[in-house]
Amino acid sequence: MITVEGNAKINLTLDILGKRPDGYHEVSMVMQSVSLHDTVKLTKIPKGIELTLNVPGLEADERNLAWRAAALLLRERQVEGGVRIELVKRIPVAAGLAGGSADAAAVLRGVNELYGLGLTLPELCSYGAKLGSDIPFCIMGGTMLATGRGEVLKELEPVPEFWVVLAKPKISVSTAWAYQNYDEQGAEAHPDNAAICEKIKAQDRKGIASLLCNVLESVTIKQYPVIAQYKGWMLEKGALASMMSGSGPTVFGLFADEKAASEAAAYLRSRTDADIFVCQTTGKNENQN
């Protein structure tokens, strides 16, 4: 049996540069992995794919990205055998935290190790990109500048350690809906990715925090004002910065230490019915071969 963790991600920045001929959006964003994770256990079976998970109502068949990731690698590498996948989810679904992509990335890394396929992380990324734009980042982890449709990655210096509070309200936001509404309304402010990359290189915590920007935030907040409320509470409770991750609705706050993060999390739990998590920024994944 192989056990692999699939880490959630947050967006320190998210910019949309336009619509591509293939229907995807051209993006430029700084992505960061955090310690909140799902756990994937993989076991060899004679043939096929078996998927079990701990979230009632979540698909456990070919509609699930984890299942499709296993199917893709077994087929493409002509593996003689199958895999049983036990998935323990902690990352909330439809939250802007790349939970499904994290699971698919963990399965690709795990099947590679389980069957001794010898693929490098960049090779696994090329498979992951066939299934979803966030999967290559989730395979690599750490701190990355993502361009193209999100699959073209440039490794950055690891950010100085932040404690992170995640607050996921009891609403779900469709990525397709957020991008469609962005196409209609646009954004007034765009991130300065060159500047934040410099601040990351300089290990400037406050500088990084001052440059958080997500062009989808205004789209989602217009529909769900609670996101702005959560951001306000995070800042009130000492966050260096607070922003929505991805297309939302999860709001994250960056904190300098565990005590401040824990106190902010307790406050949010007392004021909201949101799912609240305290975690940390994490470094890149190592190749398991």
C-alpha atoms as a PDB file:
ATOM      1  CA  MET A   1       0.000   0.000   0.000  1.00  0.00           C
ATOM      2  CA  ILE A   2       1.140   3.532  -0.830  1.00  0.00           C
ATOM      3  CA  THR A   3      -0.105   6.587   1.102  1.00  0.00           C
ATOM      4  CA  VAL A   4       0.108  10.041  -0.506  1.00  0.00           C
ATOM      5  CA  GLU A   5      -1.102  13.412   0.756  1.00  0.00           C
ATOM      6  CA  GLY A   6      -2.837  15.829  -1.617  1.00  0.00           C
ATOM      7  CA  ASN A   7      -2.388  19.391  -0.374  1.00  0.00           C
ATOM      8  CA  ALA A   8      -4.841  22.244  -0.833  1.00  0.00           C
ATOM      9  CA  LYS A   9      -3.727  25.448  -2.553  1.00  0.00           C
ATOM     10  CA  ILE A  10      -4.429  29.129  -2.145  1.00  0.00           C
ATOM     11  CA  ASN A  11      -3.922  31.879  -4.716  1.00  0.00           C
ATOM     12  CA  LEU A  12      -1.726  34.727  -3.543  1.00  0.00           C
ATOM     13  CA  THR A  13      -2.615  36.377  -6.856  1.00  0.00           C
ATOM     14  CA  LEU A  14      -4.967  35.558  -9.719  1.00  0.00           C
ATOM     15  CA  ASP A  15      -5.066  37.546 -12.947  1.00  0.00           C
ATOM     16  CA  ILE A  16      -7.018  36.813 -16.126  1.00  0.00           C
ATOM     17  CA  LEU A  17      -5.302  38.008 -19.290  1.00  0.00           C
ATOM     18  CA  GLY A  18      -8.020  37.073 -21.783  1.00  0.00           C
ATOM     19  CA  LYS A  19      -9.925  34.260 -23.456  1.00  0.00           C
ATOM     20  CA  ARG A  20      -7.968  31.729 -25.522  1.00  0.00           C
ATOM     21  CA  PRO A  21      -9.026  30.201 -28.851  1.00  0.00           C
ATOM     22  CA  ASP A  22      -9.406  26.819 -27.067  1.00  0.00           C
ATOM     23  CA  GLY A  23     -12.081  28.295 -24.766  1.00  0.00           C
ATOM     24  CA  TYR A  24      -9.855  28.435 -21.679  1.00  0.00           C
ATOM     25  CA  HIS A  25      -8.750  31.679 -20.061  1.00  0.00           C
ATOM     26  CA  GLU A  26      -5.149  32.855 -20.144  1.00  0.00           C
ATOM     27  CA  VAL A  27      -4.129  33.362 -16.516  1.00  0.00           C
ATOM     28  CA  SER A  28      -1.155  34.535 -14.503  1.00  0.00           C
ATOM     29  CA  MET A  29      -1.184  33.690 -10.812  1.00  0.00           C
ATOM     30  CA  VAL A  30       1.011  32.928  -7.842  1.00  0.00           C
ATOM     31  CA  MET A  31      -0.113  29.691  -6.219  1.00  0.00           C
ATOM     32  CA  GLN A  32       0.852  28.399  -2.805  1.00  0.00           C
ATOM     33  CA  SER A  33       0.325  24.981  -1.232  1.00  0.00           C
ATOM     34  CA  VAL A  34      -0.857  24.697   2.369  1.00  0.00           C
ATOM     35  CA  SER A  35      -0.786  21.876   4.906  1.00  0.00           C
ATOM     36  CA  LEU A  36      -4.546  21.140   4.804  1.00  0.00           C
ATOM     37  CA  HIS A  37      -4.650  17.891   2.838  1.00  0.00           C
ATOM     38  CA  ASP A  38      -6.620  14.878   1.688  1.00  0.00           C
ATOM     39  CA  THR A  39      -5.084  11.423   2.187  1.00  0.00           C
ATOM     40  CA  VAL A  40      -4.988   8.859  -0.628  1.00  0.00           C
ATOM     41  CA  LYS A  41      -4.198   5.183   0.040  1.00  0.00           C
ATOM     42  CA  LEU A  42      -3.463   3.056  -3.009  1.00  0.00           C
ATOM     43  CA  THR A  43      -3.353  -0.744  -3.232  1.00  0.00           C
ATOM     44  CA  LYS A  44      -2.709  -2.995  -6.215  1.00  0.00           C
ATOM     45  CA  ILE A  45      -5.642  -5.110  -7.407  1.00  0.00           C
ATOM     46  CA  PRO A  46      -5.710  -7.502 -10.385  1.00  0.00           C
ATOM     47  CA  LYS A  47      -7.649  -5.130 -12.665  1.00  0.00           C
ATOM     48  CA  GLY A  48      -9.884  -2.081 -12.804  1.00  0.00           C
ATOM     49  CA  ILE A  49     -10.297   0.817 -10.392  1.00  0.00           C
ATOM     50  CA  GLU A  50     -12.095   0.792  -7.058  1.00  0.00           C
ATOM     51  CA  LEU A  51     -12.662   4.111  -5.296  1.00  0.00           C
ATOM     52  CA  THR A  52     -14.007   4.603  -1.777  1.00  0.00           C
ATOM     53  CA  LEU A  53     -14.305   7.939  -0.016  1.00  0.00           C
ATOM     54  CA  ASN A  54     -15.581   9.440   3.210  1.00  0.00           C
ATOM     55  CA  VAL A  55     -17.879  12.134   1.754  1.00  0.00           C
ATOM     56  CA  PRO A  56     -21.480  11.016   1.236  1.00  0.00           C
ATOM     57  CA  GLY A  57     -22.876  11.989  -2.154  1.00  0.00           C
ATOM     58  CA  LEU A  58     -19.482  12.570  -3.793  1.00  0.00           C
ATOM     59  CA  GLU A  59     -19.056  10.513  -6.971  1.00  0.00           C
ATOM     60  CA  ALA A  60     -16.875   7.412  -6.593  1.00  0.00           C
ATOM     61  CA  ASP A  61     -16.683   6.540 -10.286  1.00  0.00           C
ATOM     62  CA  GLU A  62     -15.327   7.938 -13.573  1.00  0.00           C
ATOM     63  CA  ARG A  63     -16.869  11.347 -12.739  1.00  0.00           C
ATOM     64  CA  ASN A  64     -14.308  11.704  -9.933  1.00  0.00           C
ATOM     65  CA  LEU A  65     -10.947  13.254 -10.884  1.00  0.00           C
ATOM     66  CA  ALA A  66      -9.046  10.793  -8.680  1.00  0.00           C
ATOM     67  CA  TRP A  67     -10.625   7.863 -10.545  1.00  0.00           C
ATOM     68  CA  ARG A  68      -9.872   9.469 -13.920  1.00  0.00           C
ATOM     69  CA  ALA A  69      -6.252  10.136 -12.942  1.00  0.00           C
ATOM     70  CA  ALA A  70      -5.724   6.465 -12.125  1.00  0.00           C
ATOM     71  CA  ALA A  71      -7.449   5.374 -15.341  1.00  0.00           C
ATOM     72  CA  LEU A  72      -5.314   7.729 -17.441  1.00  0.00           C
ATOM     73  CA  LEU A  73      -1.967   6.570 -16.042  1.00  0.00           C
ATOM     74  CA  LEU A  74      -2.840   2.853 -16.066  1.00  0.00           C
ATOM     75  CA  ARG A  75      -3.987   3.136 -19.689  1.00  0.00           C
ATOM     76  CA  GLU A  76      -1.225   5.392 -21.022  1.00  0.00           C
ATOM     77  CA  ARG A  77       1.578   3.387 -19.362  1.00  0.00           C
ATOM     78  CA  GLN A  78      -0.083   0.073 -20.284  1.00  0.00           C
ATOM     79  CA  VAL A  79       0.035  -1.130 -16.692  1.00  0.00           C
ATOM     80  CA  GLU A  80      -1.025  -4.738 -16.145  1.00  0.00           C
ATOM     81  CA  GLY A  81      -3.113  -4.423 -13.024  1.00  0.00           C
ATOM     82  CA  GLY A  82      -5.548  -2.119 -11.316  1.00  0.00           C
ATOM     83  CA  VAL A  83      -5.737   0.031  -8.206  1.00  0.00           C
ATOM     84  CA  ARG A  84      -7.922   0.422  -5.153  1.00  0.00           C
ATOM     85  CA  ILE A  85      -8.105   4.042  -4.010  1.00  0.00           C
ATOM     86  CA  GLU A  86      -9.159   4.939  -0.467  1.00  0.00           C
ATOM     87  CA  LEU A  87      -9.703   8.680  -0.318  1.00  0.00           C
ATOM     88  CA  VAL A  88     -10.051  10.544   2.984  1.00  0.00           C
ATOM     89  CA  LYS A  89     -11.187  14.083   2.230  1.00  0.00           C
ATOM     90  CA  ARG A  90     -10.567  17.062   4.502  1.00  0.00           C
ATOM     91  CA  ILE A  91     -10.375  19.790   1.854  1.00  0.00           C
ATOM     92  CA  PRO A  92     -13.894  21.137   1.313  1.00  0.00           C
ATOM     93  CA  VAL A  93     -15.517  20.577  -2.089  1.00  0.00           C
ATOM     94  CA  ALA A  94     -16.120  23.450  -4.574  1.00  0.00           C
ATOM     95  CA  ALA A  95     -14.158  25.802  -2.346  1.00  0.00           C
ATOM     96  CA  GLY A  96     -11.461  27.364  -4.554  1.00  0.00           C
ATOM     97  CA  LEU A  97      -8.813  25.214  -2.832  1.00  0.00           C
ATOM     98  CA  ALA A  98      -8.207  22.683  -5.650  1.00  0.00           C
ATOM     99  CA  GLY A  99      -9.453  19.718  -3.597  1.00  0.00           C
ATOM    100  CA  GLY A 100     -10.323  17.564  -6.610  1.00  0.00           C
ATOM    101  CA  SER A 101      -7.072  18.487  -8.354  1.00  0.00           C
ATOM    102  CA  ALA A 102      -5.110  17.677  -5.187  1.00  0.00           C
ATOM    103  CA  ASP A 103      -6.669  14.201  -5.125  1.00  0.00           C
ATOM    104  CA  ALA A 104      -5.897  13.585  -8.806  1.00  0.00           C
ATOM    105  CA  ALA A 105      -2.312  14.768  -8.282  1.00  0.00           C
ATOM    106  CA  ALA A 106      -1.894  12.448  -5.289  1.00  0.00           C
ATOM    107  CA  VAL A 107      -3.242   9.507  -7.320  1.00  0.00           C
ATOM    108  CA  LEU A 108      -0.834  10.209 -10.207  1.00  0.00           C
ATOM    109  CA  ARG A 109       2.123  10.375  -7.812  1.00  0.00           C
ATOM    110  CA  GLY A 110       0.905   7.293  -5.941  1.00  0.00           C
ATOM    111  CA  VAL A 111       0.255   5.072  -8.981  1.00  0.00           C
ATOM    112  CA  ASN A 112       3.685   6.080 -10.297  1.00  0.00           C
ATOM    113  CA  GLU A 113       5.259   4.807  -7.072  1.00  0.00           C
ATOM    114  CA  LEU A 114       2.956   1.795  -6.610  1.00  0.00           C
ATOM    115  CA  TYR A 115       3.813   0.378 -10.029  1.00  0.00           C
ATOM    116  CA  GLY A 116       7.410   1.662 -10.216  1.00  0.00           C
ATOM    117  CA  LEU A 117       6.748   3.610 -13.410  1.00  0.00           C
ATOM    118  CA  GLY A 118       9.744   5.897 -12.839  1.00  0.00           C
ATOM    119  CA  LEU A 119       8.055   9.056 -14.110  1.00  0.00           C
ATOM    120  CA  THR A 120       9.470  12.405 -12.970  1.00  0.00           C
ATOM    121  CA  LEU A 121       7.221  15.068 -11.478  1.00  0.00           C
ATOM    122  CA  PRO A 122       7.333  17.132 -14.728  1.00  0.00           C
ATOM    123  CA  GLU A 123       6.314  13.999 -16.675  1.00  0.00           C
ATOM    124  CA  LEU A 124       3.432  13.437 -14.269  1.00  0.00           C
ATOM    125  CA  CYS A 125       2.450  17.091 -14.784  1.00  0.00           C
ATOM    126  CA  SER A 126       1.990  16.491 -18.502  1.00  0.00           C
ATOM    127  CA  TYR A 127      -0.513  13.751 -17.676  1.00  0.00           C
ATOM    128  CA  GLY A 128      -2.185  15.904 -15.047  1.00  0.00           C
ATOM    129  CA  ALA A 129      -2.639  18.796 -17.497  1.00  0.00           C
ATOM    130  CA  LYS A 130      -4.853  16.541 -19.629  1.00  0.00           C
ATOM    131  CA  LEU A 131      -7.322  16.312 -16.749  1.00  0.00           C
ATOM    132  CA  GLY A 132      -7.304  19.767 -15.157  1.00  0.00           C
ATOM    133  CA  SER A 133      -5.412  23.055 -15.126  1.00  0.00           C
ATOM    134  CA  ASP A 134      -4.615  22.999 -11.366  1.00  0.00           C
ATOM    135  CA  ILE A 135      -3.336  19.412 -11.288  1.00  0.00           C
ATOM    136  CA  PRO A 136       0.259  20.172 -12.414  1.00  0.00           C
ATOM    137  CA  PHE A 137       0.612  22.690  -9.582  1.00  0.00           C
ATOM    138  CA  CYS A 138      -0.795  20.179  -7.085  1.00  0.00           C
ATOM    139  CA  ILE A 139       1.756  17.613  -8.296  1.00  0.00           C
ATOM    140  CA  MET A 140       4.642  20.047  -7.773  1.00  0.00           C
ATOM    141  CA  GLY A 141       3.454  21.985  -4.697  1.00  0.00           C
ATOM    142  CA  GLY A 142       5.299  24.833  -3.021  1.00  0.00           C
ATOM    143  CA  THR A 143       5.265  28.367  -4.429  1.00  0.00           C
ATOM    144  CA  MET A 144       4.803  28.737  -8.184  1.00  0.00           C
ATOM    145  CA  LEU A 145       3.966  31.310 -10.836  1.00  0.00           C
ATOM    146  CA  ALA A 146       1.349  29.634 -13.044  1.00  0.00           C
ATOM    147  CA  THR A 147       0.622  30.881 -16.561  1.00  0.00           C
ATOM    148  CA  GLY A 148      -1.063  29.541 -19.703  1.00  0.00           C
ATOM    149  CA  ARG A 149      -4.336  28.071 -18.461  1.00  0.00           C
ATOM    150  CA  GLY A 150      -2.572  27.419 -15.145  1.00  0.00           C
ATOM    151  CA  GLU A 151      -0.465  24.458 -16.215  1.00  0.00           C
ATOM    152  CA  VAL A 152       2.751  26.317 -17.163  1.00  0.00           C
ATOM    153  CA  LEU A 153       4.725  26.553 -13.930  1.00  0.00           C
ATOM    154  CA  LYS A 154       7.737  28.563 -12.844  1.00  0.00           C
ATOM    155  CA  GLU A 155       9.185  27.645  -9.460  1.00  0.00           C
ATOM    156  CA  LEU A 156       9.608  30.562  -7.063  1.00  0.00           C
ATOM    157  CA  GLU A 157      11.533  30.834  -3.807  1.00  0.00           C
ATOM    158  CA  PRO A 158       9.486  29.302  -0.970  1.00  0.00           C
ATOM    159  CA  VAL A 159       7.483  32.006   0.797  1.00  0.00           C
ATOM    160  CA  PRO A 160       8.509  32.840   4.368  1.00  0.00           C
ATOM    161  CA  GLU A 161       6.332  30.687   6.609  1.00  0.00           C
ATOM    162  CA  PHE A 162       2.794  31.941   7.164  1.00  0.00           C
ATOM    163  CA  TRP A 163       0.067  30.520   9.336  1.00  0.00           C
ATOM    164  CA  VAL A 164      -3.115  30.384   7.288  1.00  0.00           C
ATOM    165  CA  VAL A 165      -6.750  30.470   8.403  1.00  0.00           C
ATOM    166  CA  LEU A 166      -9.264  29.175   5.857  1.00  0.00           C
ATOM    167  CA  ALA A 167     -12.967  29.997   6.148  1.00  0.00           C
ATOM    168  CA  LYS A 168     -15.281  28.233   3.701  1.00  0.00           C
ATOM    169  CA  PRO A 169     -18.872  29.551   3.888  1.00  0.00           C
ATOM    170  CA  LYS A 170     -21.787  27.176   3.329  1.00  0.00           C
ATOM    171  CA  ILE A 171     -22.057  28.113  -0.340  1.00  0.00           C
ATOM    172  CA  SER A 172     -20.573  26.608  -3.491  1.00  0.00           C
ATOM    173  CA  VAL A 173     -19.200  28.646  -6.374  1.00  0.00           C
ATOM    174  CA  SER A 174     -18.859  27.234  -9.878  1.00  0.00           C
ATOM    175  CA  THR A 175     -15.535  28.124 -11.489  1.00  0.00           C
ATOM    176  CA  ALA A 176     -17.259  28.365 -14.882  1.00  0.00           C
ATOM    177  CA  TRP A 177     -19.821  30.804 -13.428  1.00  0.00           C
ATOM    178  CA  ALA A 178     -17.104  33.009 -11.908  1.00  0.00           C
ATOM    179  CA  TYR A 179     -15.101  33.209 -15.145  1.00  0.00           C
ATOM    180  CA  GLN A 180     -18.207  33.878 -17.234  1.00  0.00           C
ATOM    181  CA  ASN A 181     -19.224  36.748 -14.976  1.00  0.00           C
ATOM    182  CA  TYR A 182     -15.679  38.090 -15.015  1.00  0.00           C
ATOM    183  CA  ASP A 183     -15.822  38.153 -18.836  1.00  0.00           C
ATOM    184  CA  GLU A 184     -18.904  40.349 -18.549  1.00  0.00           C
ATOM    185  CA  GLN A 185     -17.722  42.794 -15.874  1.00  0.00           C
ATOM    186  CA  GLY A 186     -13.877  42.653 -15.732  1.00  0.00           C
ATOM    187  CA  ALA A 187     -11.880  43.984 -12.780  1.00  0.00           C
ATOM    188  CA  GLU A 188     -10.673  47.405 -11.656  1.00  0.00           C
ATOM    189  CA  ALA A 189      -7.450  46.176 -10.016  1.00  0.00           C
ATOM    190  CA  HIS A 190      -5.000  43.610 -11.341  1.00  0.00           C
ATOM    191  CA  PRO A 191      -2.142  41.920  -9.454  1.00  0.00           C
ATOM    192  CA  ASP A 192       1.466  42.978  -9.906  1.00  0.00           C
ATOM    193  CA  ASN A 193       2.967  39.503 -10.237  1.00  0.00           C
ATOM    194  CA  ALA A 194       6.479  40.770 -10.948  1.00  0.00           C
ATOM    195  CA  ALA A 195       6.417  42.757  -7.703  1.00  0.00           C
ATOM    196  CA  ILE A 196       5.096  39.923  -5.541  1.00  0.00           C
ATOM    197  CA  CYS A 197       7.704  37.547  -7.011  1.00  0.00           C
ATOM    198  CA  GLU A 198      10.384  40.049  -5.921  1.00  0.00           C
ATOM    199  CA  LYS A 199       8.908  40.282  -2.423  1.00  0.00           C
ATOM    200  CA  ILE A 200       8.858  36.470  -2.203  1.00  0.00           C
ATOM    201  CA  LYS A 201      12.498  36.338  -3.287  1.00  0.00           C
ATOM    202  CA  ALA A 202      13.346  38.950  -0.634  1.00  0.00           C
ATOM    203  CA  GLN A 203      11.371  36.960   2.002  1.00  0.00           C
ATOM    204  CA  ASP A 204       9.417  40.143   2.743  1.00  0.00           C
ATOM    205  CA  ARG A 205       6.321  38.978   4.657  1.00  0.00           C
ATOM    206  CA  LYS A 206       4.600  42.355   4.796  1.00  0.00           C
ATOM    207  CA  GLY A 207       5.478  43.096   1.184  1.00  0.00           C
ATOM    208  CA  ILE A 208       3.919  39.810   0.048  1.00  0.00           C
ATOM    209  CA  ALA A 209       0.807  40.459   2.139  1.00  0.00           C
ATOM    210  CA  SER A 210       0.407  43.957   0.666  1.00  0.00           C
ATOM    211  CA  LEU A 211       0.304  42.598  -2.904  1.00  0.00           C
ATOM    212  CA  LEU A 212      -2.415  39.927  -2.663  1.00  0.00           C
ATOM    213  CA  CYS A 213      -4.912  40.414  -5.498  1.00  0.00           C
ATOM    214  CA  ASN A 214      -7.566  38.196  -7.110  1.00  0.00           C
ATOM    215  CA  VAL A 215      -9.557  39.587 -10.055  1.00  0.00           C
ATOM    216  CA  LEU A 216     -12.384  37.091  -9.442  1.00  0.00           C
ATOM    217  CA  GLU A 217     -12.995  38.418  -5.940  1.00  0.00           C
ATOM    218  CA  SER A 218     -15.226  41.328  -6.963  1.00  0.00           C
ATOM    219  CA  VAL A 219     -17.321  38.990  -9.166  1.00  0.00           C
ATOM    220  CA  THR A 220     -17.974  36.502  -6.364  1.00  0.00           C
ATOM    221  CA  ILE A 221     -18.394  39.104  -3.601  1.00  0.00           C
ATOM    222  CA  LYS A 222     -21.097  40.836  -5.647  1.00  0.00           C
ATOM    223  CA  GLN A 223     -23.117  37.604  -5.479  1.00  0.00           C
ATOM    224  CA  TYR A 224     -21.999  36.545  -1.986  1.00  0.00           C
ATOM    225  CA  PRO A 225     -21.267  39.584   0.257  1.00  0.00           C
ATOM    226  CA  VAL A 226     -20.445  37.247   3.163  1.00  0.00           C
ATOM    227  CA  ILE A 227     -16.982  36.824   1.601  1.00  0.00           C
ATOM    228  CA  ALA A 228     -16.212  40.515   2.220  1.00  0.00           C
ATOM    229  CA  GLN A 229     -17.484  40.117   5.794  1.00  0.00           C
ATOM    230  CA  TYR A 230     -15.121  37.184   6.447  1.00  0.00           C
ATOM    231  CA  LYS A 231     -12.205  39.190   5.022  1.00  0.00           C
ATOM    232  CA  GLY A 232     -13.022  42.061   7.366  1.00  0.00           C
ATOM    233  CA  TRP A 233     -13.099  39.779  10.404  1.00  0.00           C
ATOM    234  CA  MET A 234      -9.773  38.171   9.438  1.00  0.00           C
ATOM    235  CA  LEU A 235      -8.119  41.605   9.243  1.00  0.00           C
ATOM    236  CA  GLU A 236      -9.799  42.715  12.464  1.00  0.00           C
ATOM    237  CA  LYS A 237      -8.276  39.691  14.188  1.00  0.00           C
ATOM    238  CA  GLY A 238      -4.725  40.404  13.070  1.00  0.00           C
ATOM    239  CA  ALA A 239      -4.317  38.919   9.598  1.00  0.00           C
ATOM    240  CA  LEU A 240      -1.455  40.495   7.646  1.00  0.00           C
ATOM    241  CA  ALA A 241      -3.767  40.173   4.633  1.00  0.00           C
ATOM    242  CA  SER A 242      -6.957  38.377   3.656  1.00  0.00           C
ATOM    243  CA  MET A 243      -8.339  37.352   0.272  1.00  0.00           C
ATOM    244  CA  MET A 244     -10.610  34.905  -1.505  1.00  0.00           C
ATOM    245  CA  SER A 245      -8.861  31.879  -3.021  1.00  0.00           C
ATOM    246  CA  GLY A 246      -9.447  30.946  -6.663  1.00  0.00           C
ATOM    247  CA  SER A 247     -13.048  31.400  -7.744  1.00  0.00           C
ATOM    248  CA  GLY A 248     -14.089  31.119  -4.094  1.00  0.00           C
ATOM    249  CA  PRO A 249     -15.893  31.067  -1.848  1.00  0.00           C
ATOM    250  CA  THR A 250     -13.111  30.233   0.643  1.00  0.00           C
ATOM    251  CA  VAL A 251     -11.472  33.237   2.301  1.00  0.00           C
ATOM    252  CA  PHE A 252      -7.967  32.915   3.691  1.00  0.00           C
ATOM    253  CA  GLY A 253      -6.002  35.060   6.108  1.00  0.00           C
ATOM    254  CA  LEU A 254      -2.199  35.119   6.379  1.00  0.00           C
ATOM    255  CA  PHE A 255      -0.891  35.312   9.941  1.00  0.00           C
ATOM    256  CA  ALA A 256       2.602  35.751  11.386  1.00  0.00           C
ATOM    257  CA  ASP A 257       2.189  33.172  14.155  1.00  0.00           C
ATOM    258  CA  GLU A 258       0.079  30.255  15.338  1.00  0.00           C
ATOM    259  CA  LYS A 259      -1.426  32.087  18.316  1.00  0.00           C
ATOM    260  CA  ALA A 260      -2.893  34.882  16.184  1.00  0.00           C
ATOM    261  CA  ALA A 261      -4.185  32.345  13.635  1.00  0.00           C
ATOM    262  CA  SER A 262      -5.831  30.190  16.318  1.00  0.00           C
ATOM    263  CA  GLU A 263      -7.504  33.198  17.945  1.00  0.00           C
ATOM    264  CA  ALA A 264      -8.856  34.401  14.594  1.00  0.00           C
ATOM    265  CA  ALA A 265     -10.135  30.892  13.809  1.00  0.00           C
ATOM    266  CA  ALA A 266     -11.917  30.717  17.181  1.00  0.00           C
ATOM    267  CA  TYR A 267     -13.529  34.097  16.544  1.00  0.00           C
ATOM    268  CA  LEU A 268     -14.755  33.043  13.084  1.00  0.00           C
ATOM    269  CA  ARG A 269     -16.142  29.787  14.492  1.00  0.00           C
ATOM    270  CA  SER A 270     -18.105  31.786  17.059  1.00  0.00           C
ATOM    271  CA  ARG A 271     -19.538  34.193  14.460  1.00  0.00           C
ATOM    272  CA  THR A 272     -20.179  31.945  11.436  1.00  0.00           C
ATOM    273  CA  ASP A 273     -21.268  28.474  10.374  1.00  0.00           C
ATOM    274  CA  ALA A 274     -18.291  28.292   8.011  1.00  0.00           C
ATOM    275  CA  ASP A 275     -15.840  25.397   7.857  1.00  0.00           C
ATOM    276  CA  ILE A 276     -12.692  26.803   9.509  1.00  0.00           C
ATOM    277  CA  PHE A 277      -9.185  25.368   9.200  1.00  0.00           C
ATOM    278  CA  VAL A 278      -5.830  26.475  10.598  1.00  0.00           C
ATOM    279  CA  CYS A 279      -2.830  25.385   8.536  1.00  0.00           C
ATOM    280  CA  GLN A 280       0.569  26.544   7.281  1.00  0.00           C
ATOM    281  CA  THR A 281       2.231  27.253   3.966  1.00  0.00           C
ATOM    282  CA  THR A 282       4.224  24.244   2.718  1.00  0.00           C
ATOM    283  CA  GLY A 283       7.144  23.585   0.382  1.00  0.00           C
ATOM    284  CA  LYS A 284       7.277  21.712  -2.889  1.00  0.00           C
ATOM    285  CA  ASN A 285       6.722  17.963  -3.193  1.00  0.00           C
ATOM    286  CA  GLU A 286       9.710  15.696  -3.652  1.00  0.00           C
ATOM    287  CA  ASN A 287       9.873  13.113  -6.410  1.00  0.00           C
ATOM    288  CA  GLN A 288       9.262   9.726  -4.852  1.00  0.00           C
ATOM    289  CA  ASN A 289      11.556   7.843  -7.211  1.00  0.00           C
END
